[in-house]
C-alpha atoms as a PDB file:
ATOM      1  CA  MET A   1     -13.918   7.559  11.988  1.00  0.00           C
ATOM      2  CA  THR A   2     -14.970  11.064  12.922  1.00  0.00           C
ATOM      3  CA  ASP A   3     -12.454  13.646  11.849  1.00  0.00           C
ATOM      4  CA  ASP A   4     -11.435  16.930  13.412  1.00  0.00           C
ATOM      5  CA  TYR A   5     -12.885  18.828  10.469  1.00  0.00           C
ATOM      6  CA  GLY A   6     -16.599  18.467  11.117  1.00  0.00           C
ATOM      7  CA  GLY A   7     -17.288  15.348   9.082  1.00  0.00           C
ATOM      8  CA  ILE A   8     -16.789  11.656   8.651  1.00  0.00           C
ATOM      9  CA  VAL A   9     -13.546  10.483   7.083  1.00  0.00           C
ATOM     10  CA  THR A  10     -13.210   6.840   6.123  1.00  0.00           C
ATOM     11  CA  GLY A  11     -11.071   4.513   4.050  1.00  0.00           C
ATOM     12  CA  ALA A  12      -8.715   6.030   1.548  1.00  0.00           C
ATOM     13  CA  LYS A  13      -9.688   9.577   2.467  1.00  0.00           C
ATOM     14  CA  ALA A  14      -8.688   9.052   6.116  1.00  0.00           C
ATOM     15  CA  ARG A  15      -5.305   7.675   5.066  1.00  0.00           C
ATOM     16  CA  ILE A  16      -4.724  10.565   2.669  1.00  0.00           C
ATOM     17  CA  VAL A  17      -5.607  13.152   5.326  1.00  0.00           C
ATOM     18  CA  ALA A  18      -3.138  11.507   7.712  1.00  0.00           C
ATOM     19  CA  LEU A  19      -0.383  11.526   5.073  1.00  0.00           C
ATOM     20  CA  LEU A  20      -1.045  15.119   4.063  1.00  0.00           C
ATOM     21  CA  GLY A  21      -0.930  16.164   7.704  1.00  0.00           C
ATOM     22  CA  ARG A  22       2.834  15.632   7.520  1.00  0.00           C
ATOM     23  CA  TYR A  23       3.130  18.363   4.886  1.00  0.00           C
ATOM     24  CA  VAL A  24       0.150  20.656   5.444  1.00  0.00           C
ATOM     25  CA  THR A  25       1.094  22.027   8.850  1.00  0.00           C
ATOM     26  CA  ASP A  26      -1.575  24.728   9.074  1.00  0.00           C
ATOM     27  CA  PRO A  27      -4.647  23.124  10.710  1.00  0.00           C
ATOM     28  CA  ALA A  28      -7.014  25.436   8.812  1.00  0.00           C
ATOM     29  CA  GLU A  29      -5.461  24.419   5.494  1.00  0.00           C
ATOM     30  CA  LEU A  30      -5.654  20.709   6.342  1.00  0.00           C
ATOM     31  CA  ALA A  31      -9.285  21.129   7.395  1.00  0.00           C
ATOM     32  CA  ALA A  32     -10.052  22.846   4.075  1.00  0.00           C
ATOM     33  CA  VAL A  33      -8.447  19.977   2.158  1.00  0.00           C
ATOM     34  CA  ALA A  34     -10.339  17.405   4.271  1.00  0.00           C
ATOM     35  CA  ARG A  35     -13.597  19.206   3.419  1.00  0.00           C
ATOM     36  CA  GLY A  36     -12.816  18.781  -0.277  1.00  0.00           C
ATOM     37  CA  GLU A  37     -11.431  22.164  -1.247  1.00  0.00           C
ATOM     38  CA  PRO A  38      -8.879  22.098  -4.101  1.00  0.00           C
ATOM     39  CA  PHE A  39      -5.301  21.466  -3.000  1.00  0.00           C
ATOM     40  CA  LEU A  40      -3.795  24.290  -5.000  1.00  0.00           C
ATOM     41  CA  THR A  41      -6.062  26.952  -3.536  1.00  0.00           C
ATOM     42  CA  ALA A  42      -6.514  25.511  -0.032  1.00  0.00           C
ATOM     43  CA  THR A  43      -2.852  25.033   0.875  1.00  0.00           C
ATOM     44  CA  SER A  44       0.392  26.916   0.744  1.00  0.00           C
ATOM     45  CA  LEU A  45       2.361  23.815  -0.248  1.00  0.00           C
ATOM     46  CA  ASP A  46       5.219  24.476  -2.604  1.00  0.00           C
ATOM     47  CA  SER A  47       5.853  22.167  -5.552  1.00  0.00           C
ATOM     48  CA  LEU A  48       8.496  20.114  -3.728  1.00  0.00           C
ATOM     49  CA  ALA A  49       6.215  19.476  -0.744  1.00  0.00           C
ATOM     50  CA  MET A  50       3.348  18.564  -3.084  1.00  0.00           C
ATOM     51  CA  MET A  51       5.511  16.080  -5.003  1.00  0.00           C
ATOM     52  CA  THR A  52       6.794  14.580  -1.751  1.00  0.00           C
ATOM     53  CA  ALA A  53       3.198  14.145  -0.555  1.00  0.00           C
ATOM     54  CA  ILE A  54       2.277  12.498  -3.853  1.00  0.00           C
ATOM     55  CA  VAL A  55       5.173  10.044  -3.490  1.00  0.00           C
ATOM     56  CA  GLU A  56       4.019   9.239   0.054  1.00  0.00           C
ATOM     57  CA  ILE A  57       0.507   8.516  -1.231  1.00  0.00           C
ATOM     58  CA  GLU A  58       1.956   6.301  -3.968  1.00  0.00           C
ATOM     59  CA  LYS A  59       3.943   4.323  -1.396  1.00  0.00           C
ATOM     60  CA  ALA A  60       1.041   4.007   1.023  1.00  0.00           C
ATOM     61  CA  PHE A  61      -1.337   2.671  -1.625  1.00  0.00           C
ATOM     62  CA  GLY A  62       1.131   0.798  -3.819  1.00  0.00           C
ATOM     63  CA  VAL A  63       0.344   2.803  -6.955  1.00  0.00           C
ATOM     64  CA  ARG A  64       2.193   5.060  -9.364  1.00  0.00           C
ATOM     65  CA  PHE A  65       0.584   8.194 -10.755  1.00  0.00           C
ATOM     66  CA  ASP A  66       1.437   9.139 -14.314  1.00  0.00           C
ATOM     67  CA  LEU A  67       1.040  12.721 -15.493  1.00  0.00           C
ATOM     68  CA  ALA A  68      -2.422  12.164 -16.973  1.00  0.00           C
ATOM     69  CA  THR A  69      -3.655  10.587 -13.733  1.00  0.00           C
ATOM     70  CA  LEU A  70      -2.248  13.454 -11.676  1.00  0.00           C
ATOM     71  CA  GLU A  71      -4.013  16.005 -13.846  1.00  0.00           C
ATOM     72  CA  GLU A  72      -7.304  14.084 -13.636  1.00  0.00           C
ATOM     73  CA  THR A  73      -7.343  13.112  -9.973  1.00  0.00           C
ATOM     74  CA  PHE A  74      -5.282  15.497  -7.873  1.00  0.00           C
ATOM     75  CA  ALA A  75      -7.772  18.331  -7.714  1.00  0.00           C
ATOM     76  CA  THR A  76      -9.280  17.404  -4.332  1.00  0.00           C
ATOM     77  CA  ILE A  77      -8.949  14.769  -1.645  1.00  0.00           C
ATOM     78  CA  ASP A  78     -12.293  13.337  -2.743  1.00  0.00           C
ATOM     79  CA  SER A  79     -11.098  12.833  -6.321  1.00  0.00           C
ATOM     80  CA  ILE A  80      -7.893  11.156  -5.116  1.00  0.00           C
ATOM     81  CA  ALA A  81      -9.783   8.885  -2.704  1.00  0.00           C
ATOM     82  CA  ALA A  82     -12.311   7.928  -5.403  1.00  0.00           C
ATOM     83  CA  TYR A  83      -9.491   7.089  -7.824  1.00  0.00           C
ATOM     84  CA  LEU A  84      -7.640   4.998  -5.230  1.00  0.00           C
ATOM     85  CA  GLU A  85     -10.775   3.162  -4.108  1.00  0.00           C
ATOM     86  CA  ARG A  86     -11.629   2.431  -7.752  1.00  0.00           C
ATOM     87  CA  THR A  87      -8.073   1.399  -8.645  1.00  0.00           C
ATOM     88  CA  VAL A  88      -6.783  -0.486  -5.617  1.00  0.00           C
ATOM     89  CA  GLY A  89      -9.929  -0.933  -3.548  1.00  0.00           C
ATOM     90  CA  ARG A  90      -8.594   0.694  -0.368  1.00  0.00           C
END
C-alpha cells in the first residue's frame, strides 16, 4: 500500500498509522510519525491521547504492553511495528 507520506506502508505499520490518525489530527505530524520520527517529538499528543492510542493498538493487535515493553518499543512507529510483527506476526 502506498501511503500519503512519500513511502510504502505495509502490514502492522499501515494499521498503526490508521489507528494513530484518529488521535494525531495534524497531517504534518502524522506524516512525520509515518516516516519514523519519534512520537514524543513529532506529535503534540498529550499523555491521555497517547495512552488512548496505545490502548487502541493493544485492542487491534490483541496484545497488552507492560511498562518495560512500552519503554523499549514506543519510540517510533517502526519499533512498534517490528515488535508487533515479531510478537503476533501481523
